[in-house]
C-alpha atoms as a PDB file:
ATOM      1  CA  UNK A   1     172.859  -6.283 213.559  1.00  0.00           C
ATOM      2  CA  UNK A   2     174.603  -9.072 211.644  1.00  0.00           C
ATOM      3  CA  UNK A   3     176.749  -6.607 209.710  1.00  0.00           C
ATOM      4  CA  UNK A   4     177.759  -4.778 212.890  1.00  0.00           C
ATOM      5  CA  UNK A   5     178.758  -8.090 214.494  1.00  0.00           C
ATOM      6  CA  UNK A   6     180.816  -9.029 211.438  1.00  0.00           C
ATOM      7  CA  UNK A   7     182.482  -5.625 211.433  1.00  0.00           C
ATOM      8  CA  UNK A   8     183.405  -5.966 215.106  1.00  0.00           C
ATOM      9  CA  UNK A   9     184.719  -9.480 214.502  1.00  0.00           C
ATOM     10  CA  UNK A  10     186.859  -8.249 211.607  1.00  0.00           C
ATOM     11  CA  UNK A  11     188.205  -5.393 213.728  1.00  0.00           C
ATOM     12  CA  UNK A  12     189.133  -7.839 216.498  1.00  0.00           C
ATOM     13  CA  UNK A  13     190.940 -10.047 213.981  1.00  0.00           C
ATOM     14  CA  UNK A  14     192.830  -7.014 212.720  1.00  0.00           C
ATOM     15  CA  UNK A  15     193.896  -6.154 216.281  1.00  0.00           C
ATOM     16  CA  UNK A  16     195.146  -9.706 216.796  1.00  0.00           C
ATOM     17  CA  UNK A  17     197.201  -9.530 213.600  1.00  0.00           C
ATOM     18  CA  UNK A  18     198.582  -6.141 214.627  1.00  0.00           C
ATOM     19  CA  UNK A  19     199.779  -7.593 217.934  1.00  0.00           C
ATOM     20  CA  UNK A  20     201.858 -10.276 216.192  1.00  0.00           C
ATOM     21  CA  UNK A  21     205.504 -10.028 215.256  1.00  0.00           C
ATOM     22  CA  UNK A  22     206.747  -8.149 212.225  1.00  0.00           C
ATOM     23  CA  UNK A  23     206.567  -9.933 208.882  1.00  0.00           C
ATOM     24  CA  UNK A  24     209.924 -10.442 207.164  1.00  0.00           C
ATOM     25  CA  UNK A  25     209.941  -9.823 203.405  1.00  0.00           C
ATOM     26  CA  UNK A  26     212.506 -11.948 201.537  1.00  0.00           C
ATOM     27  CA  UNK A  27     213.462 -10.968 197.998  1.00  0.00           C
ATOM     28  CA  UNK A  28     216.084 -11.198 195.284  1.00  0.00           C
ATOM     29  CA  UNK A  29     217.570  -8.114 193.663  1.00  0.00           C
ATOM     30  CA  UNK A  30     217.770  -4.511 194.764  1.00  0.00           C
ATOM     31  CA  UNK A  31     214.258  -4.118 196.188  1.00  0.00           C
ATOM     32  CA  UNK A  32     211.115  -6.150 196.910  1.00  0.00           C
ATOM     33  CA  UNK A  33     208.327  -6.492 194.354  1.00  0.00           C
ATOM     34  CA  UNK A  34     204.584  -6.701 194.925  1.00  0.00           C
ATOM     35  CA  UNK A  35     204.886 -10.481 194.656  1.00  0.00           C
ATOM     36  CA  UNK A  36     207.458 -10.480 197.474  1.00  0.00           C
ATOM     37  CA  UNK A  37     205.127  -8.461 199.724  1.00  0.00           C
ATOM     38  CA  UNK A  38     202.135 -10.646 198.858  1.00  0.00           C
ATOM     39  CA  UNK A  39     204.040 -13.895 199.411  1.00  0.00           C
ATOM     40  CA  UNK A  40     205.451 -12.682 202.746  1.00  0.00           C
ATOM     41  CA  UNK A  41     201.998 -11.753 204.021  1.00  0.00           C
ATOM     42  CA  UNK A  42     200.160 -14.843 202.740  1.00  0.00           C
ATOM     43  CA  UNK A  43     202.897 -17.189 203.965  1.00  0.00           C
ATOM     44  CA  UNK A  44     202.764 -15.533 207.382  1.00  0.00           C
ATOM     45  CA  UNK A  45     198.975 -15.983 207.464  1.00  0.00           C
ATOM     46  CA  UNK A  46     199.359 -19.607 206.417  1.00  0.00           C
ATOM     47  CA  UNK A  47     201.629 -20.203 209.415  1.00  0.00           C
ATOM     48  CA  UNK A  48     199.753 -18.138 211.999  1.00  0.00           C
ATOM     49  CA  UNK A  49     196.035 -18.442 211.181  1.00  0.00           C
ATOM     50  CA  UNK A  50     193.748 -21.129 212.519  1.00  0.00           C
ATOM     51  CA  UNK A  51     192.114 -23.600 210.129  1.00  0.00           C
ATOM     52  CA  UNK A  52     188.903 -21.592 209.724  1.00  0.00           C
ATOM     53  CA  UNK A  53     190.715 -18.336 208.951  1.00  0.00           C
ATOM     54  CA  UNK A  54     193.178 -20.135 206.671  1.00  0.00           C
ATOM     55  CA  UNK A  55     190.290 -21.317 204.506  1.00  0.00           C
ATOM     56  CA  UNK A  56     189.292 -17.686 203.866  1.00  0.00           C
ATOM     57  CA  UNK A  57     192.549 -16.837 202.064  1.00  0.00           C
ATOM     58  CA  UNK A  58     193.627 -20.275 200.809  1.00  0.00           C
ATOM     59  CA  UNK A  59     192.436 -19.476 197.271  1.00  0.00           C
ATOM     60  CA  UNK A  60     194.722 -16.481 196.800  1.00  0.00           C
ATOM     61  CA  UNK A  61     197.581 -18.230 198.629  1.00  0.00           C
ATOM     62  CA  UNK A  62     197.338 -21.262 196.334  1.00  0.00           C
ATOM     63  CA  UNK A  63     197.014 -19.050 193.252  1.00  0.00           C
ATOM     64  CA  UNK A  64     200.206 -17.180 194.132  1.00  0.00           C
ATOM     65  CA  UNK A  65     201.974 -20.449 194.931  1.00  0.00           C
ATOM     66  CA  UNK A  66     200.985 -21.801 191.485  1.00  0.00           C
ATOM     67  CA  UNK A  67     202.204 -18.581 189.873  1.00  0.00           C
ATOM     68  CA  UNK A  68     205.586 -18.855 191.608  1.00  0.00           C
ATOM     69  CA  UNK A  69     205.894 -22.487 190.504  1.00  0.00           C
ATOM     70  CA  UNK A  70     204.866 -21.742 186.909  1.00  0.00           C
ATOM     71  CA  UNK A  71     201.695 -23.841 187.144  1.00  0.00           C
ATOM     72  CA  UNK A  72     198.303 -22.997 185.597  1.00  0.00           C
ATOM     73  CA  UNK A  73     195.533 -21.690 187.812  1.00  0.00           C
ATOM     74  CA  UNK A  74     192.655 -23.889 188.930  1.00  0.00           C
ATOM     75  CA  UNK A  75     189.249 -23.676 187.302  1.00  0.00           C
ATOM     76  CA  UNK A  76     187.281 -20.503 188.135  1.00  0.00           C
ATOM     77  CA  UNK A  77     190.407 -18.722 189.435  1.00  0.00           C
ATOM     78  CA  UNK A  78     192.359 -15.986 187.676  1.00  0.00           C
ATOM     79  CA  UNK A  79     195.509 -14.249 188.870  1.00  0.00           C
ATOM     80  CA  UNK A  80     196.896 -11.067 187.332  1.00  0.00           C
ATOM     81  CA  UNK A  81     200.411 -10.096 188.415  1.00  0.00           C
ATOM     82  CA  UNK A  82     201.620  -6.695 187.190  1.00  0.00           C
ATOM     83  CA  UNK A  83     205.121  -6.327 188.639  1.00  0.00           C
ATOM     84  CA  UNK A  84     205.787  -3.120 186.720  1.00  0.00           C
ATOM     85  CA  UNK A  85     202.879  -1.321 188.376  1.00  0.00           C
ATOM     86  CA  UNK A  86     203.191  -3.154 191.709  1.00  0.00           C
ATOM     87  CA  UNK A  87     199.725  -4.718 191.525  1.00  0.00           C
ATOM     88  CA  UNK A  88     198.129  -8.171 191.930  1.00  0.00           C
ATOM     89  CA  UNK A  89     194.499  -9.162 191.318  1.00  0.00           C
ATOM     90  CA  UNK A  90     193.029 -12.550 192.263  1.00  0.00           C
ATOM     91  CA  UNK A  91     189.455 -13.425 191.312  1.00  0.00           C
ATOM     92  CA  UNK A  92     187.445 -16.564 191.932  1.00  0.00           C
ATOM     93  CA  UNK A  93     183.987 -16.788 190.381  1.00  0.00           C
ATOM     94  CA  UNK A  94     181.170 -19.285 190.727  1.00  0.00           C
ATOM     95  CA  UNK A  95     177.684 -18.630 189.334  1.00  0.00           C
ATOM     96  CA  UNK A  96     176.759 -15.152 190.642  1.00  0.00           C
ATOM     97  CA  UNK A  97     179.484 -15.051 193.310  1.00  0.00           C
ATOM     98  CA  UNK A  98     182.868 -13.324 192.828  1.00  0.00           C
ATOM     99  CA  UNK A  99     185.731 -13.088 195.310  1.00  0.00           C
ATOM    100  CA  UNK A 100     188.100 -10.235 194.461  1.00  0.00           C
ATOM    101  CA  UNK A 101     191.468  -9.766 196.199  1.00  0.00           C
ATOM    102  CA  UNK A 102     193.814  -6.924 195.246  1.00  0.00           C
ATOM    103  CA  UNK A 103     197.298  -6.183 196.530  1.00  0.00           C
ATOM    104  CA  UNK A 104     199.618  -3.300 195.727  1.00  0.00           C
ATOM    105  CA  UNK A 105     202.286  -1.105 197.276  1.00  0.00           C
ATOM    106  CA  UNK A 106     203.406   2.508 197.281  1.00  0.00           C
ATOM    107  CA  UNK A 107     206.857   4.033 197.801  1.00  0.00           C
ATOM    108  CA  UNK A 108     206.730   6.575 200.605  1.00  0.00           C
ATOM    109  CA  UNK A 109     208.241  10.022 200.070  1.00  0.00           C
ATOM    110  CA  UNK A 110     210.793   9.584 202.879  1.00  0.00           C
ATOM    111  CA  UNK A 111     212.607   6.971 200.759  1.00  0.00           C
ATOM    112  CA  UNK A 112     212.790   4.667 203.811  1.00  0.00           C
ATOM    113  CA  UNK A 113     209.401   2.973 203.791  1.00  0.00           C
ATOM    114  CA  UNK A 114     206.828   1.365 201.528  1.00  0.00           C
ATOM    115  CA  UNK A 115     203.113   0.876 202.123  1.00  0.00           C
ATOM    116  CA  UNK A 116     201.542  -2.481 201.192  1.00  0.00           C
ATOM    117  CA  UNK A 117     197.766  -2.984 200.963  1.00  0.00           C
ATOM    118  CA  UNK A 118     195.628  -6.127 200.921  1.00  0.00           C
ATOM    119  CA  UNK A 119     192.004  -5.667 199.793  1.00  0.00           C
ATOM    120  CA  UNK A 120     189.492  -8.565 200.047  1.00  0.00           C
ATOM    121  CA  UNK A 121     185.846  -8.229 198.900  1.00  0.00           C
ATOM    122  CA  UNK A 122     183.124 -10.697 197.958  1.00  0.00           C
ATOM    123  CA  UNK A 123     180.223  -9.923 195.619  1.00  0.00           C
ATOM    124  CA  UNK A 124     176.969 -11.589 194.645  1.00  0.00           C
ATOM    125  CA  UNK A 125     175.017 -10.446 191.609  1.00  0.00           C
ATOM    126  CA  UNK A 126     177.398  -7.498 191.351  1.00  0.00           C
ATOM    127  CA  UNK A 127     176.708  -6.255 194.889  1.00  0.00           C
ATOM    128  CA  UNK A 128     179.086  -6.510 197.875  1.00  0.00           C
ATOM    129  CA  UNK A 129     178.240  -9.154 200.482  1.00  0.00           C
ATOM    130  CA  UNK A 130     180.225  -7.487 203.280  1.00  0.00           C
ATOM    131  CA  UNK A 131     181.315 -10.879 204.563  1.00  0.00           C
ATOM    132  CA  UNK A 132     183.314 -11.725 207.652  1.00  0.00           C
ATOM    133  CA  UNK A 133     186.678 -11.562 205.891  1.00  0.00           C
ATOM    134  CA  UNK A 134     185.979  -8.611 203.608  1.00  0.00           C
ATOM    135  CA  UNK A 135     188.111  -5.568 204.291  1.00  0.00           C
ATOM    136  CA  UNK A 136     191.188  -3.495 203.563  1.00  0.00           C
ATOM    137  CA  UNK A 137     194.456  -3.866 205.490  1.00  0.00           C
ATOM    138  CA  UNK A 138     197.682  -1.857 205.342  1.00  0.00           C
ATOM    139  CA  UNK A 139     201.259  -2.761 206.262  1.00  0.00           C
ATOM    140  CA  UNK A 140     204.230  -0.407 206.553  1.00  0.00           C
ATOM    141  CA  UNK A 141     207.529  -1.823 205.290  1.00  0.00           C
ATOM    142  CA  UNK A 142     210.873  -0.604 206.589  1.00  0.00           C
ATOM    143  CA  UNK A 143     213.598  -0.708 203.905  1.00  0.00           C
ATOM    144  CA  UNK A 144     216.372  -1.024 206.519  1.00  0.00           C
ATOM    145  CA  UNK A 145     214.936  -3.940 208.522  1.00  0.00           C
ATOM    146  CA  UNK A 146     213.211  -5.636 205.546  1.00  0.00           C
ATOM    147  CA  UNK A 147     210.141  -6.168 207.715  1.00  0.00           C
ATOM    148  CA  UNK A 148     206.566  -4.920 207.565  1.00  0.00           C
ATOM    149  CA  UNK A 149     203.972  -4.410 210.271  1.00  0.00           C
ATOM    150  CA  UNK A 150     200.226  -3.867 210.113  1.00  0.00           C
ATOM    151  CA  UNK A 151     199.281  -0.193 210.434  1.00  0.00           C
ATOM    152  CA  UNK A 152     196.225   2.038 210.350  1.00  0.00           C
ATOM    153  CA  UNK A 153     194.987   3.250 206.993  1.00  0.00           C
ATOM    154  CA  UNK A 154     197.094   6.380 206.441  1.00  0.00           C
ATOM    155  CA  UNK A 155     194.924   9.471 206.244  1.00  0.00           C
ATOM    156  CA  UNK A 156     191.454   7.883 206.435  1.00  0.00           C
ATOM    157  CA  UNK A 157     189.319   5.442 208.393  1.00  0.00           C
ATOM    158  CA  UNK A 158     188.358   2.261 206.559  1.00  0.00           C
ATOM    159  CA  UNK A 159     184.564   1.926 206.493  1.00  0.00           C
ATOM    160  CA  UNK A 160     182.855  -1.452 206.299  1.00  0.00           C
ATOM    161  CA  UNK A 161     179.150  -0.622 206.177  1.00  0.00           C
ATOM    162  CA  UNK A 162     178.142  -0.847 202.492  1.00  0.00           C
ATOM    163  CA  UNK A 163     181.616   0.326 201.450  1.00  0.00           C
ATOM    164  CA  UNK A 164     184.300  -1.267 199.268  1.00  0.00           C
ATOM    165  CA  UNK A 165     187.721  -0.097 198.086  1.00  0.00           C
ATOM    166  CA  UNK A 166     189.512  -0.596 194.775  1.00  0.00           C
ATOM    167  CA  UNK A 167     193.316  -0.473 194.719  1.00  0.00           C
ATOM    168  CA  UNK A 168     195.151   1.191 191.827  1.00  0.00           C
ATOM    169  CA  UNK A 169     196.765  -0.744 189.011  1.00  0.00           C
ATOM    170  CA  UNK A 170     197.380   2.511 187.171  1.00  0.00           C
ATOM    171  CA  UNK A 171     198.190   5.634 189.157  1.00  0.00           C
ATOM    172  CA  UNK A 172     198.386   5.781 192.936  1.00  0.00           C
ATOM    173  CA  UNK A 173     194.905   6.593 194.226  1.00  0.00           C
ATOM    174  CA  UNK A 174     192.314   4.351 195.904  1.00  0.00           C
ATOM    175  CA  UNK A 175     188.664   4.418 194.830  1.00  0.00           C
ATOM    176  CA  UNK A 176     186.162   4.231 197.690  1.00  0.00           C
ATOM    177  CA  UNK A 177     182.667   3.038 196.710  1.00  0.00           C
ATOM    178  CA  UNK A 178     179.575   3.541 198.863  1.00  0.00           C
ATOM    179  CA  UNK A 179     176.709   1.208 197.922  1.00  0.00           C
ATOM    180  CA  UNK A 180     173.006   1.770 198.539  1.00  0.00           C
ATOM    181  CA  UNK A 181     170.455  -0.978 199.121  1.00  0.00           C
ATOM    182  CA  UNK A 182     169.385  -0.963 195.458  1.00  0.00           C
ATOM    183  CA  UNK A 183     172.897  -1.571 194.113  1.00  0.00           C
ATOM    184  CA  UNK A 184     173.534   2.077 193.274  1.00  0.00           C
ATOM    185  CA  UNK A 185     176.941   3.450 194.147  1.00  0.00           C
ATOM    186  CA  UNK A 186     178.827   6.680 194.789  1.00  0.00           C
ATOM    187  CA  UNK A 187     182.592   6.826 194.344  1.00  0.00           C
ATOM    188  CA  UNK A 188     185.236   8.974 196.005  1.00  0.00           C
ATOM    189  CA  UNK A 189     188.944   9.181 195.146  1.00  0.00           C
ATOM    190  CA  UNK A 190     191.444   8.903 197.998  1.00  0.00           C
ATOM    191  CA  UNK A 191     194.571  10.639 196.688  1.00  0.00           C
ATOM    192  CA  UNK A 192     198.069   9.454 197.624  1.00  0.00           C
ATOM    193  CA  UNK A 193     200.530  12.243 198.497  1.00  0.00           C
ATOM    194  CA  UNK A 194     203.604  10.132 199.257  1.00  0.00           C
ATOM    195  CA  UNK A 195     202.767   9.517 202.905  1.00  0.00           C
ATOM    196  CA  UNK A 196     199.009   9.296 203.272  1.00  0.00           C
ATOM    197  CA  UNK A 197     195.705   9.458 201.408  1.00  0.00           C
ATOM    198  CA  UNK A 198     193.556  12.582 201.358  1.00  0.00           C
ATOM    199  CA  UNK A 199     189.875  12.935 200.533  1.00  0.00           C
END
């Protein structure tokens, strides 16, 4: 019952975000990078979220802020920024707990849009906790307007019951992992075709 309640709460939060204005992506150069997408989204959350929600993503926000300012990361936090492959990984670990946030983007085949993803999962003893803020969100970026808006997962429904997703650092496909109660897992590849993911 608790997991169902958390899933419903997360879905309601996602609907609230979707109802907000578009998120402007500012950048230097010919096109935005994964850091530009991540900073636009996290800065928007920092302005719009209430104090409780802000606490949930403050770690990754502060890590990216430190990265942009050339400062070292705080203890227990690591940030990997791979601009070439359009991928960011933030991890914060304490004892048996790990928070893992991934961000990446894909160029769409129409040449007019990009798809940005934000993946947030918490683990304890190597197993997902399926916490209130765990989930996978997508945003569609319009090259002409330089804005992005939250959208449905293209080509599949995001599952939250005992399910996590891993974004690609290499390649373009997402790995979906279904967990059983004993910590066992079964993985499926969601393949990117330039517009959506197929199973």
